[in-house]
Amino acid sequence: VCSLEINDCHKNAAGGVMGGVPFMLADFAFAVATNHEVVRTVSLNSTISFLGVAKGKKLIAKAECVKFGRATCYYTVHITDELGTKVAEVVFTGFNKN
């Protein structure tokens, strides 16, 4: 689980959170989750789906391992705000360089 306090530099001209912010947070959560024991996993592919607009002041990313194999892994990262609003989901396929 990783989080980010939303401030003005994270917002677009309409006042919403820029799309790159939840993606960056998800990418970081994926990196932490896959490299907490052995630092050798990199992202091969990722897809983001935006689900809603953040209403709170904080984004929270929760990485969930779906499959961790010998050479590849598959994770889903759920992005919400602290109010429970679903903001985005990102799926990652990773390559284990071990």
PDB file of N, CA and C in Angstrom:
ATOM      1  N   VAL A   1       0.850  -1.176   0.000  1.00  0.00           N
ATOM      2  CA  VAL A   1       0.000   0.000   0.000  1.00  0.00           C
ATOM      3  C   VAL A   1       0.892   1.234   0.000  1.00  0.00           C
ATOM      4  N   CYS A   2       0.620   2.135  -0.931  1.00  0.00           N
ATOM      5  CA  CYS A   2       1.340   3.405  -1.027  1.00  0.00           C
ATOM      6  C   CYS A   2       0.300   4.521  -1.132  1.00  0.00           C
ATOM      7  N   SER A   3       0.675   5.720  -0.736  1.00  0.00           N
ATOM      8  CA  SER A   3      -0.279   6.830  -0.798  1.00  0.00           C
ATOM      9  C   SER A   3       0.416   8.118  -1.205  1.00  0.00           C
ATOM     10  N   LEU A   4      -0.410   9.102  -1.569  1.00  0.00           N
ATOM     11  CA  LEU A   4       0.070  10.391  -2.043  1.00  0.00           C
ATOM     12  C   LEU A   4      -0.914  11.469  -1.625  1.00  0.00           C
ATOM     13  N   GLU A   5      -0.425  12.519  -1.010  1.00  0.00           N
ATOM     14  CA  GLU A   5      -1.264  13.669  -0.683  1.00  0.00           C
ATOM     15  C   GLU A   5      -1.433  14.499  -1.956  1.00  0.00           C
ATOM     16  N   ILE A   6      -2.675  14.789  -2.329  1.00  0.00           N
ATOM     17  CA  ILE A   6      -2.961  15.573  -3.521  1.00  0.00           C
ATOM     18  C   ILE A   6      -2.764  17.054  -3.212  1.00  0.00           C
ATOM     19  N   ASN A   7      -1.987  17.744  -4.058  1.00  0.00           N
ATOM     20  CA  ASN A   7      -1.871  19.195  -3.932  1.00  0.00           C
ATOM     21  C   ASN A   7      -2.045  19.832  -5.303  1.00  0.00           C
ATOM     22  N   ASP A   8      -1.894  21.137  -5.384  1.00  0.00           N
ATOM     23  CA  ASP A   8      -2.185  21.862  -6.620  1.00  0.00           C
ATOM     24  C   ASP A   8      -1.339  21.409  -7.809  1.00  0.00           C
ATOM     25  N   CYS A   9      -0.115  20.976  -7.581  1.00  0.00           N
ATOM     26  CA  CYS A   9       0.732  20.553  -8.703  1.00  0.00           C
ATOM     27  C   CYS A   9       0.256  19.245  -9.330  1.00  0.00           C
ATOM     28  N   HIS A  10      -0.655  18.529  -8.682  1.00  0.00           N
ATOM     29  CA  HIS A  10      -1.200  17.280  -9.207  1.00  0.00           C
ATOM     30  C   HIS A  10      -2.492  17.486  -9.999  1.00  0.00           C
ATOM     31  N   LYS A  11      -2.977  18.735 -10.055  1.00  0.00           N
ATOM     32  CA  LYS A  11      -4.286  19.002 -10.662  1.00  0.00           C
ATOM     33  C   LYS A  11      -4.167  19.568 -12.080  1.00  0.00           C
ATOM     34  N   ASN A  12      -5.183  19.256 -12.889  1.00  0.00           N
ATOM     35  CA  ASN A  12      -5.240  19.798 -14.244  1.00  0.00           C
ATOM     36  C   ASN A  12      -5.990  21.132 -14.237  1.00  0.00           C
ATOM     37  N   ALA A  13      -6.181  21.721 -15.420  1.00  0.00           N
ATOM     38  CA  ALA A  13      -6.832  23.031 -15.527  1.00  0.00           C
ATOM     39  C   ALA A  13      -8.270  23.017 -15.020  1.00  0.00           C
ATOM     40  N   ALA A  14      -8.925  21.860 -15.055  1.00  0.00           N
ATOM     41  CA  ALA A  14     -10.306  21.752 -14.582  1.00  0.00           C
ATOM     42  C   ALA A  14     -10.390  21.497 -13.078  1.00  0.00           C
ATOM     43  N   GLY A  15      -9.242  21.359 -12.405  1.00  0.00           N
ATOM     44  CA  GLY A  15      -9.221  21.148 -10.962  1.00  0.00           C
ATOM     45  C   GLY A  15      -9.199  19.696 -10.527  1.00  0.00           C
ATOM     46  N   GLY A  16      -9.235  18.762 -11.490  1.00  0.00           N
ATOM     47  CA  GLY A  16      -9.163  17.335 -11.169  1.00  0.00           C
ATOM     48  C   GLY A  16      -7.721  16.856 -11.149  1.00  0.00           C
ATOM     49  N   VAL A  17      -7.519  15.671 -10.630  1.00  0.00           N
ATOM     50  CA  VAL A  17      -6.179  15.080 -10.589  1.00  0.00           C
ATOM     51  C   VAL A  17      -5.787  14.651 -12.003  1.00  0.00           C
ATOM     52  N   MET A  18      -4.594  15.042 -12.447  1.00  0.00           N
ATOM     53  CA  MET A  18      -4.097  14.637 -13.763  1.00  0.00           C
ATOM     54  C   MET A  18      -3.967  13.118 -13.826  1.00  0.00           C
ATOM     55  N   GLY A  19      -4.221  12.529 -14.984  1.00  0.00           N
ATOM     56  CA  GLY A  19      -4.217  11.082 -15.151  1.00  0.00           C
ATOM     57  C   GLY A  19      -2.894  10.418 -14.853  1.00  0.00           C
ATOM     58  N   GLY A  20      -1.799  11.134 -15.041  1.00  0.00           N
ATOM     59  CA  GLY A  20      -0.489  10.567 -14.762  1.00  0.00           C
ATOM     60  C   GLY A  20      -0.234  10.339 -13.284  1.00  0.00           C
ATOM     61  N   VAL A  21      -0.956  11.039 -12.423  1.00  0.00           N
ATOM     62  CA  VAL A  21      -0.730  10.927 -10.979  1.00  0.00           C
ATOM     63  C   VAL A  21      -1.155   9.555 -10.449  1.00  0.00           C
ATOM     64  N   PRO A  22      -2.388   9.097 -10.708  1.00  0.00           N
ATOM     65  CA  PRO A  22      -2.726   7.753 -10.239  1.00  0.00           C
ATOM     66  C   PRO A  22      -1.878   6.672 -10.905  1.00  0.00           C
ATOM     67  N   PHE A  23      -1.496   6.887 -12.181  1.00  0.00           N
ATOM     68  CA  PHE A  23      -0.658   5.892 -12.838  1.00  0.00           C
ATOM     69  C   PHE A  23       0.715   5.815 -12.179  1.00  0.00           C
ATOM     70  N   MET A  24       1.314   6.974 -11.894  1.00  0.00           N
ATOM     71  CA  MET A  24       2.630   6.999 -11.233  1.00  0.00           C
ATOM     72  C   MET A  24       2.562   6.320  -9.867  1.00  0.00           C
ATOM     73  N   LEU A  25       1.500   6.582  -9.116  1.00  0.00           N
ATOM     74  CA  LEU A  25       1.346   5.965  -7.802  1.00  0.00           C
ATOM     75  C   LEU A  25       1.179   4.450  -7.937  1.00  0.00           C
ATOM     76  N   ALA A  26       0.400   4.008  -8.925  1.00  0.00           N
ATOM     77  CA  ALA A  26       0.222   2.571  -9.157  1.00  0.00           C
ATOM     78  C   ALA A  26       1.536   1.919  -9.559  1.00  0.00           C
ATOM     79  N   ASP A  27       2.301   2.575 -10.414  1.00  0.00           N
ATOM     80  CA  ASP A  27       3.589   2.042 -10.849  1.00  0.00           C
ATOM     81  C   ASP A  27       4.542   1.901  -9.664  1.00  0.00           C
ATOM     82  N   PHE A  28       4.527   2.873  -8.777  1.00  0.00           N
ATOM     83  CA  PHE A  28       5.366   2.809  -7.579  1.00  0.00           C
ATOM     84  C   PHE A  28       4.917   1.667  -6.666  1.00  0.00           C
ATOM     85  N   ALA A  29       3.596   1.518  -6.467  1.00  0.00           N
ATOM     86  CA  ALA A  29       3.076   0.427  -5.628  1.00  0.00           C
ATOM     87  C   ALA A  29       3.441  -0.934  -6.225  1.00  0.00           C
ATOM     88  N   PHE A  30       3.374  -1.053  -7.552  1.00  0.00           N
ATOM     89  CA  PHE A  30       3.788  -2.288  -8.225  1.00  0.00           C
ATOM     90  C   PHE A  30       5.267  -2.565  -7.952  1.00  0.00           C
ATOM     91  N   ALA A  31       6.100  -1.548  -8.075  1.00  0.00           N
ATOM     92  CA  ALA A  31       7.539  -1.713  -7.844  1.00  0.00           C
ATOM     93  C   ALA A  31       7.822  -2.145  -6.404  1.00  0.00           C
ATOM     94  N   VAL A  32       7.164  -1.527  -5.449  1.00  0.00           N
ATOM     95  CA  VAL A  32       7.352  -1.887  -4.039  1.00  0.00           C
ATOM     96  C   VAL A  32       6.891  -3.328  -3.794  1.00  0.00           C
ATOM     97  N   ALA A  33       5.728  -3.672  -4.324  1.00  0.00           N
ATOM     98  CA  ALA A  33       5.174  -5.014  -4.093  1.00  0.00           C
ATOM     99  C   ALA A  33       6.032  -6.109  -4.719  1.00  0.00           C
ATOM    100  N   THR A  34       6.549  -5.868  -5.915  1.00  0.00           N
ATOM    101  CA  THR A  34       7.286  -6.924  -6.612  1.00  0.00           C
ATOM    102  C   THR A  34       8.756  -6.990  -6.228  1.00  0.00           C
ATOM    103  N   ASN A  35       9.267  -5.937  -5.619  1.00  0.00           N
ATOM    104  CA  ASN A  35      10.701  -5.889  -5.323  1.00  0.00           C
ATOM    105  C   ASN A  35      11.006  -5.801  -3.833  1.00  0.00           C
ATOM    106  N   HIS A  36      10.054  -6.172  -2.982  1.00  0.00           N
ATOM    107  CA  HIS A  36      10.283  -6.055  -1.538  1.00  0.00           C
ATOM    108  C   HIS A  36      11.274  -7.085  -1.009  1.00  0.00           C
ATOM    109  N   GLU A  37      11.459  -8.192  -1.707  1.00  0.00           N
ATOM    110  CA  GLU A  37      12.428  -9.195  -1.258  1.00  0.00           C
ATOM    111  C   GLU A  37      13.658  -9.239  -2.149  1.00  0.00           C
ATOM    112  N   VAL A  38      13.440  -9.321  -3.462  1.00  0.00           N
ATOM    113  CA  VAL A  38      14.538  -9.368  -4.422  1.00  0.00           C
ATOM    114  C   VAL A  38      14.262  -8.311  -5.489  1.00  0.00           C
ATOM    115  N   VAL A  39      15.189  -7.372  -5.626  1.00  0.00           N
ATOM    116  CA  VAL A  39      14.992  -6.265  -6.559  1.00  0.00           C
ATOM    117  C   VAL A  39      15.419  -6.692  -7.957  1.00  0.00           C
ATOM    118  N   ARG A  40      14.463  -7.231  -8.723  1.00  0.00           N
ATOM    119  CA  ARG A  40      14.770  -7.663 -10.086  1.00  0.00           C
ATOM    120  C   ARG A  40      13.538  -7.724 -10.972  1.00  0.00           C
ATOM    121  N   THR A  41      12.404  -7.208 -10.562  1.00  0.00           N
ATOM    122  CA  THR A  41      11.201  -7.265 -11.382  1.00  0.00           C
ATOM    123  C   THR A  41      10.966  -5.915 -12.047  1.00  0.00           C
ATOM    124  N   VAL A  42      10.694  -5.945 -13.352  1.00  0.00           N
ATOM    125  CA  VAL A  42      10.391  -4.736 -14.114  1.00  0.00           C
ATOM    126  C   VAL A  42       9.051  -4.915 -14.820  1.00  0.00           C
ATOM    127  N   SER A  43       8.423  -3.822 -15.169  1.00  0.00           N
ATOM    128  CA  SER A  43       7.140  -3.862 -15.863  1.00  0.00           C
ATOM    129  C   SER A  43       7.329  -4.159 -17.346  1.00  0.00           C
ATOM    130  N   LEU A  44       6.554  -5.111 -17.843  1.00  0.00           N
ATOM    131  CA  LEU A  44       6.527  -5.406 -19.278  1.00  0.00           C
ATOM    132  C   LEU A  44       5.376  -4.684 -19.958  1.00  0.00           C
ATOM    133  N   ASN A  45       4.253  -4.601 -19.259  1.00  0.00           N
ATOM    134  CA  ASN A  45       3.042  -4.035 -19.839  1.00  0.00           C
ATOM    135  C   ASN A  45       2.160  -3.531 -18.706  1.00  0.00           C
ATOM    136  N   SER A  46       1.420  -2.465 -18.987  1.00  0.00           N
ATOM    137  CA  SER A  46       0.461  -1.970 -18.004  1.00  0.00           C
ATOM    138  C   SER A  46      -0.706  -1.306 -18.727  1.00  0.00           C
ATOM    139  N   THR A  47      -1.868  -1.384 -18.093  1.00  0.00           N
ATOM    140  CA  THR A  47      -3.075  -0.770 -18.634  1.00  0.00           C
ATOM    141  C   THR A  47      -3.826  -0.117 -17.487  1.00  0.00           C
ATOM    142  N   ILE A  48      -4.217   1.148 -17.696  1.00  0.00           N
ATOM    143  CA  ILE A  48      -4.967   1.854 -16.661  1.00  0.00           C
ATOM    144  C   ILE A  48      -6.399   2.078 -17.131  1.00  0.00           C
ATOM    145  N   SER A  49      -7.325   1.916 -16.204  1.00  0.00           N
ATOM    146  CA  SER A  49      -8.728   2.250 -16.434  1.00  0.00           C
ATOM    147  C   SER A  49      -9.121   3.274 -15.379  1.00  0.00           C
ATOM    148  N   PHE A  50      -9.567   4.446 -15.823  1.00  0.00           N
ATOM    149  CA  PHE A  50     -10.011   5.486 -14.900  1.00  0.00           C
ATOM    150  C   PHE A  50     -11.469   5.234 -14.559  1.00  0.00           C
ATOM    151  N   LEU A  51     -11.774   5.202 -13.262  1.00  0.00           N
ATOM    152  CA  LEU A  51     -13.101   4.818 -12.791  1.00  0.00           C
ATOM    153  C   LEU A  51     -13.905   5.971 -12.217  1.00  0.00           C
ATOM    154  N   GLY A  52     -13.231   6.989 -11.715  1.00  0.00           N
ATOM    155  CA  GLY A  52     -13.943   8.106 -11.099  1.00  0.00           C
ATOM    156  C   GLY A  52     -13.000   9.227 -10.730  1.00  0.00           C
ATOM    157  N   VAL A  53     -13.570  10.293 -10.230  1.00  0.00           N
ATOM    158  CA  VAL A  53     -12.812  11.485  -9.851  1.00  0.00           C
ATOM    159  C   VAL A  53     -12.542  11.445  -8.351  1.00  0.00           C
ATOM    160  N   ALA A  54     -11.302  11.683  -7.976  1.00  0.00           N
ATOM    161  CA  ALA A  54     -10.945  11.729  -6.544  1.00  0.00           C
ATOM    162  C   ALA A  54     -11.704  12.868  -5.873  1.00  0.00           C
ATOM    163  N   LYS A  55     -12.336  12.561  -4.761  1.00  0.00           N
ATOM    164  CA  LYS A  55     -13.080  13.563  -3.999  1.00  0.00           C
ATOM    165  C   LYS A  55     -12.332  13.974  -2.734  1.00  0.00           C
ATOM    166  N   GLY A  56     -11.398  13.140  -2.313  1.00  0.00           N
ATOM    167  CA  GLY A  56     -10.641  13.419  -1.096  1.00  0.00           C
ATOM    168  C   GLY A  56      -9.347  14.163  -1.373  1.00  0.00           C
ATOM    169  N   LYS A  57      -8.462  14.138  -0.388  1.00  0.00           N
ATOM    170  CA  LYS A  57      -7.195  14.858  -0.466  1.00  0.00           C
ATOM    171  C   LYS A  57      -5.998  13.927  -0.547  1.00  0.00           C
ATOM    172  N   LYS A  58      -6.268  12.627  -0.689  1.00  0.00           N
ATOM    173  CA  LYS A  58      -5.194  11.634  -0.686  1.00  0.00           C
ATOM    174  C   LYS A  58      -5.557  10.503  -1.634  1.00  0.00           C
ATOM    175  N   LEU A  59      -4.569  10.008  -2.395  1.00  0.00           N
ATOM    176  CA  LEU A  59      -4.746   8.816  -3.214  1.00  0.00           C
ATOM    177  C   LEU A  59      -4.052   7.648  -2.534  1.00  0.00           C
ATOM    178  N   ILE A  60      -4.679   6.492  -2.589  1.00  0.00           N
ATOM    179  CA  ILE A  60      -4.133   5.285  -1.967  1.00  0.00           C
ATOM    180  C   ILE A  60      -4.086   4.181  -3.020  1.00  0.00           C
ATOM    181  N   ALA A  61      -2.939   3.547  -3.165  1.00  0.00           N
ATOM    182  CA  ALA A  61      -2.747   2.458  -4.124  1.00  0.00           C
ATOM    183  C   ALA A  61      -2.518   1.164  -3.355  1.00  0.00           C
ATOM    184  N   LYS A  62      -3.310   0.150  -3.665  1.00  0.00           N
ATOM    185  CA  LYS A  62      -3.156  -1.167  -3.046  1.00  0.00           C
ATOM    186  C   LYS A  62      -2.841  -2.172  -4.145  1.00  0.00           C
ATOM    187  N   ALA A  63      -1.636  -2.745  -4.087  1.00  0.00           N
ATOM    188  CA  ALA A  63      -1.201  -3.722  -5.087  1.00  0.00           C
ATOM    189  C   ALA A  63      -1.621  -5.117  -4.653  1.00  0.00           C
ATOM    190  N   GLU A  64      -2.180  -5.856  -5.586  1.00  0.00           N
ATOM    191  CA  GLU A  64      -2.642  -7.223  -5.320  1.00  0.00           C
ATOM    192  C   GLU A  64      -1.989  -8.167  -6.328  1.00  0.00           C
ATOM    193  N   CYS A  65      -1.264  -9.155  -5.815  1.00  0.00           N
ATOM    194  CA  CYS A  65      -0.628 -10.139  -6.681  1.00  0.00           C
ATOM    195  C   CYS A  65      -1.670 -11.147  -7.141  1.00  0.00           C
ATOM    196  N   VAL A  66      -1.853 -11.246  -8.442  1.00  0.00           N
ATOM    197  CA  VAL A  66      -2.762 -12.227  -9.016  1.00  0.00           C
ATOM    198  C   VAL A  66      -1.999 -13.515  -9.299  1.00  0.00           C
ATOM    199  N   LYS A  67      -0.777 -13.370  -9.840  1.00  0.00           N
ATOM    200  CA  LYS A  67       0.077 -14.539 -10.117  1.00  0.00           C
ATOM    201  C   LYS A  67       1.531 -14.096 -10.113  1.00  0.00           C
ATOM    202  N   PHE A  68       2.374 -14.869  -9.447  1.00  0.00           N
ATOM    203  CA  PHE A  68       3.815 -14.610  -9.441  1.00  0.00           C
ATOM    204  C   PHE A  68       4.504 -15.906  -9.844  1.00  0.00           C
ATOM    205  N   GLY A  69       4.920 -15.961 -11.091  1.00  0.00           N
ATOM    206  CA  GLY A  69       5.554 -17.158 -11.621  1.00  0.00           C
ATOM    207  C   GLY A  69       7.072 -17.054 -11.624  1.00  0.00           C
ATOM    208  N   ARG A  70       7.707 -18.029 -12.249  1.00  0.00           N
ATOM    209  CA  ARG A  70       9.168 -18.061 -12.314  1.00  0.00           C
ATOM    210  C   ARG A  70       9.727 -16.890 -13.115  1.00  0.00           C
ATOM    211  N   ALA A  71       9.099 -16.568 -14.248  1.00  0.00           N
ATOM    212  CA  ALA A  71       9.628 -15.518 -15.124  1.00  0.00           C
ATOM    213  C   ALA A  71       8.742 -14.284 -15.211  1.00  0.00           C
ATOM    214  N   THR A  72       7.455 -14.441 -14.977  1.00  0.00           N
ATOM    215  CA  THR A  72       6.551 -13.297 -15.086  1.00  0.00           C
ATOM    216  C   THR A  72       5.614 -13.223 -13.888  1.00  0.00           C
ATOM    217  N   CYS A  73       5.025 -12.052 -13.720  1.00  0.00           N
ATOM    218  CA  CYS A  73       4.037 -11.864 -12.662  1.00  0.00           C
ATOM    219  C   CYS A  73       2.913 -10.983 -13.200  1.00  0.00           C
ATOM    220  N   TYR A  74       1.780 -11.008 -12.502  1.00  0.00           N
ATOM    221  CA  TYR A  74       0.613 -10.234 -12.905  1.00  0.00           C
ATOM    222  C   TYR A  74       0.013  -9.625 -11.644  1.00  0.00           C
ATOM    223  N   TYR A  75      -0.149  -8.307 -11.633  1.00  0.00           N
ATOM    224  CA  TYR A  75      -0.666  -7.575 -10.476  1.00  0.00           C
ATOM    225  C   TYR A  75      -1.813  -6.666 -10.892  1.00  0.00           C
ATOM    226  N   THR A  76      -2.737  -6.461  -9.979  1.00  0.00           N
ATOM    227  CA  THR A  76      -3.746  -5.424 -10.118  1.00  0.00           C
ATOM    228  C   THR A  76      -3.505  -4.414  -9.001  1.00  0.00           C
ATOM    229  N   VAL A  77      -3.514  -3.128  -9.362  1.00  0.00           N
ATOM    230  CA  VAL A  77      -3.356  -2.068  -8.370  1.00  0.00           C
ATOM    231  C   VAL A  77      -4.638  -1.247  -8.359  1.00  0.00           C
ATOM    232  N   HIS A  78      -5.270  -1.177  -7.196  1.00  0.00           N
ATOM    233  CA  HIS A  78      -6.515  -0.434  -7.010  1.00  0.00           C
ATOM    234  C   HIS A  78      -6.183   0.943  -6.436  1.00  0.00           C
ATOM    235  N   ILE A  79      -6.667   1.998  -7.094  1.00  0.00           N
ATOM    236  CA  ILE A  79      -6.430   3.370  -6.633  1.00  0.00           C
ATOM    237  C   ILE A  79      -7.752   3.933  -6.123  1.00  0.00           C
ATOM    238  N   THR A  80      -7.756   4.388  -4.872  1.00  0.00           N
ATOM    239  CA  THR A  80      -8.920   5.035  -4.272  1.00  0.00           C
ATOM    240  C   THR A  80      -8.452   6.322  -3.601  1.00  0.00           C
ATOM    241  N   ASP A  81      -9.403   7.126  -3.150  1.00  0.00           N
ATOM    242  CA  ASP A  81      -9.041   8.215  -2.254  1.00  0.00           C
ATOM    243  C   ASP A  81      -9.359   7.767  -0.830  1.00  0.00           C
ATOM    244  N   GLU A  82      -9.060   8.608   0.142  1.00  0.00           N
ATOM    245  CA  GLU A  82      -9.262   8.199   1.537  1.00  0.00           C
ATOM    246  C   GLU A  82     -10.733   8.096   1.911  1.00  0.00           C
ATOM    247  N   LEU A  83     -11.624   8.574   1.032  1.00  0.00           N
ATOM    248  CA  LEU A  83     -13.063   8.472   1.264  1.00  0.00           C
ATOM    249  C   LEU A  83     -13.641   7.179   0.694  1.00  0.00           C
ATOM    250  N   GLY A  84     -12.784   6.399   0.002  1.00  0.00           N
ATOM    251  CA  GLY A  84     -13.221   5.142  -0.588  1.00  0.00           C
ATOM    252  C   GLY A  84     -13.672   5.259  -2.035  1.00  0.00           C
ATOM    253  N   THR A  85     -13.563   6.444  -2.619  1.00  0.00           N
ATOM    254  CA  THR A  85     -13.934   6.644  -4.022  1.00  0.00           C
ATOM    255  C   THR A  85     -12.981   5.871  -4.919  1.00  0.00           C
ATOM    256  N   LYS A  86     -13.513   5.030  -5.805  1.00  0.00           N
ATOM    257  CA  LYS A  86     -12.681   4.295  -6.756  1.00  0.00           C
ATOM    258  C   LYS A  86     -12.229   5.266  -7.843  1.00  0.00           C
ATOM    259  N   VAL A  87     -10.929   5.432  -7.982  1.00  0.00           N
ATOM    260  CA  VAL A  87     -10.364   6.385  -8.934  1.00  0.00           C
ATOM    261  C   VAL A  87      -9.855   5.669 -10.190  1.00  0.00           C
ATOM    262  N   ALA A  88      -9.120   4.570 -10.017  1.00  0.00           N
ATOM    263  CA  ALA A  88      -8.557   3.861 -11.168  1.00  0.00           C
ATOM    264  C   ALA A  88      -8.133   2.454 -10.775  1.00  0.00           C
ATOM    265  N   GLU A  89      -7.958   1.616 -11.792  1.00  0.00           N
ATOM    266  CA  GLU A  89      -7.336   0.301 -11.625  1.00  0.00           C
ATOM    267  C   GLU A  89      -6.269   0.172 -12.693  1.00  0.00           C
ATOM    268  N   VAL A  90      -5.136  -0.371 -12.293  1.00  0.00           N
ATOM    269  CA  VAL A  90      -4.039  -0.593 -13.232  1.00  0.00           C
ATOM    270  C   VAL A  90      -3.633  -2.052 -13.130  1.00  0.00           C
ATOM    271  N   VAL A  91      -3.505  -2.708 -14.284  1.00  0.00           N
ATOM    272  CA  VAL A  91      -2.994  -4.071 -14.305  1.00  0.00           C
ATOM    273  C   VAL A  91      -1.586  -4.042 -14.888  1.00  0.00           C
ATOM    274  N   PHE A  92      -0.709  -4.808 -14.274  1.00  0.00           N
ATOM    275  CA  PHE A  92       0.690  -4.878 -14.682  1.00  0.00           C
ATOM    276  C   PHE A  92       1.081  -6.315 -14.964  1.00  0.00           C
ATOM    277  N   THR A  93       1.823  -6.512 -16.025  1.00  0.00           N
ATOM    278  CA  THR A  93       2.548  -7.748 -16.256  1.00  0.00           C
ATOM    279  C   THR A  93       4.011  -7.411 -16.041  1.00  0.00           C
ATOM    280  N   GLY A  94       4.682  -8.165 -15.194  1.00  0.00           N
ATOM    281  CA  GLY A  94       6.079  -7.895 -14.893  1.00  0.00           C
ATOM    282  C   GLY A  94       6.977  -9.050 -15.311  1.00  0.00           C
ATOM    283  N   PHE A  95       8.228  -8.736 -15.492  1.00  0.00           N
ATOM    284  CA  PHE A  95       9.250  -9.744 -15.828  1.00  0.00           C
ATOM    285  C   PHE A  95      10.207  -9.853 -14.663  1.00  0.00           C
ATOM    286  N   ASN A  96      10.393 -11.079 -14.170  1.00  0.00           N
ATOM    287  CA  ASN A  96      11.303 -11.346 -13.061  1.00  0.00           C
ATOM    288  C   ASN A  96      12.679 -11.663 -13.637  1.00  0.00           C
ATOM    289  N   LYS A  97      13.631 -10.762 -13.451  1.00  0.00           N
ATOM    290  CA  LYS A  97      14.948 -10.884 -14.079  1.00  0.00           C
ATOM    291  C   LYS A  97      15.897 -11.827 -13.343  1.00  0.00           C
ATOM    292  N   ASN A  98      15.422 -12.581 -12.386  1.00  0.00           N
ATOM    293  CA  ASN A  98      16.280 -13.489 -11.609  1.00  0.00           C
ATOM    294  C   ASN A  98      16.688 -14.700 -12.409  1.00  0.00           C
TER     295      ASN A  98
END
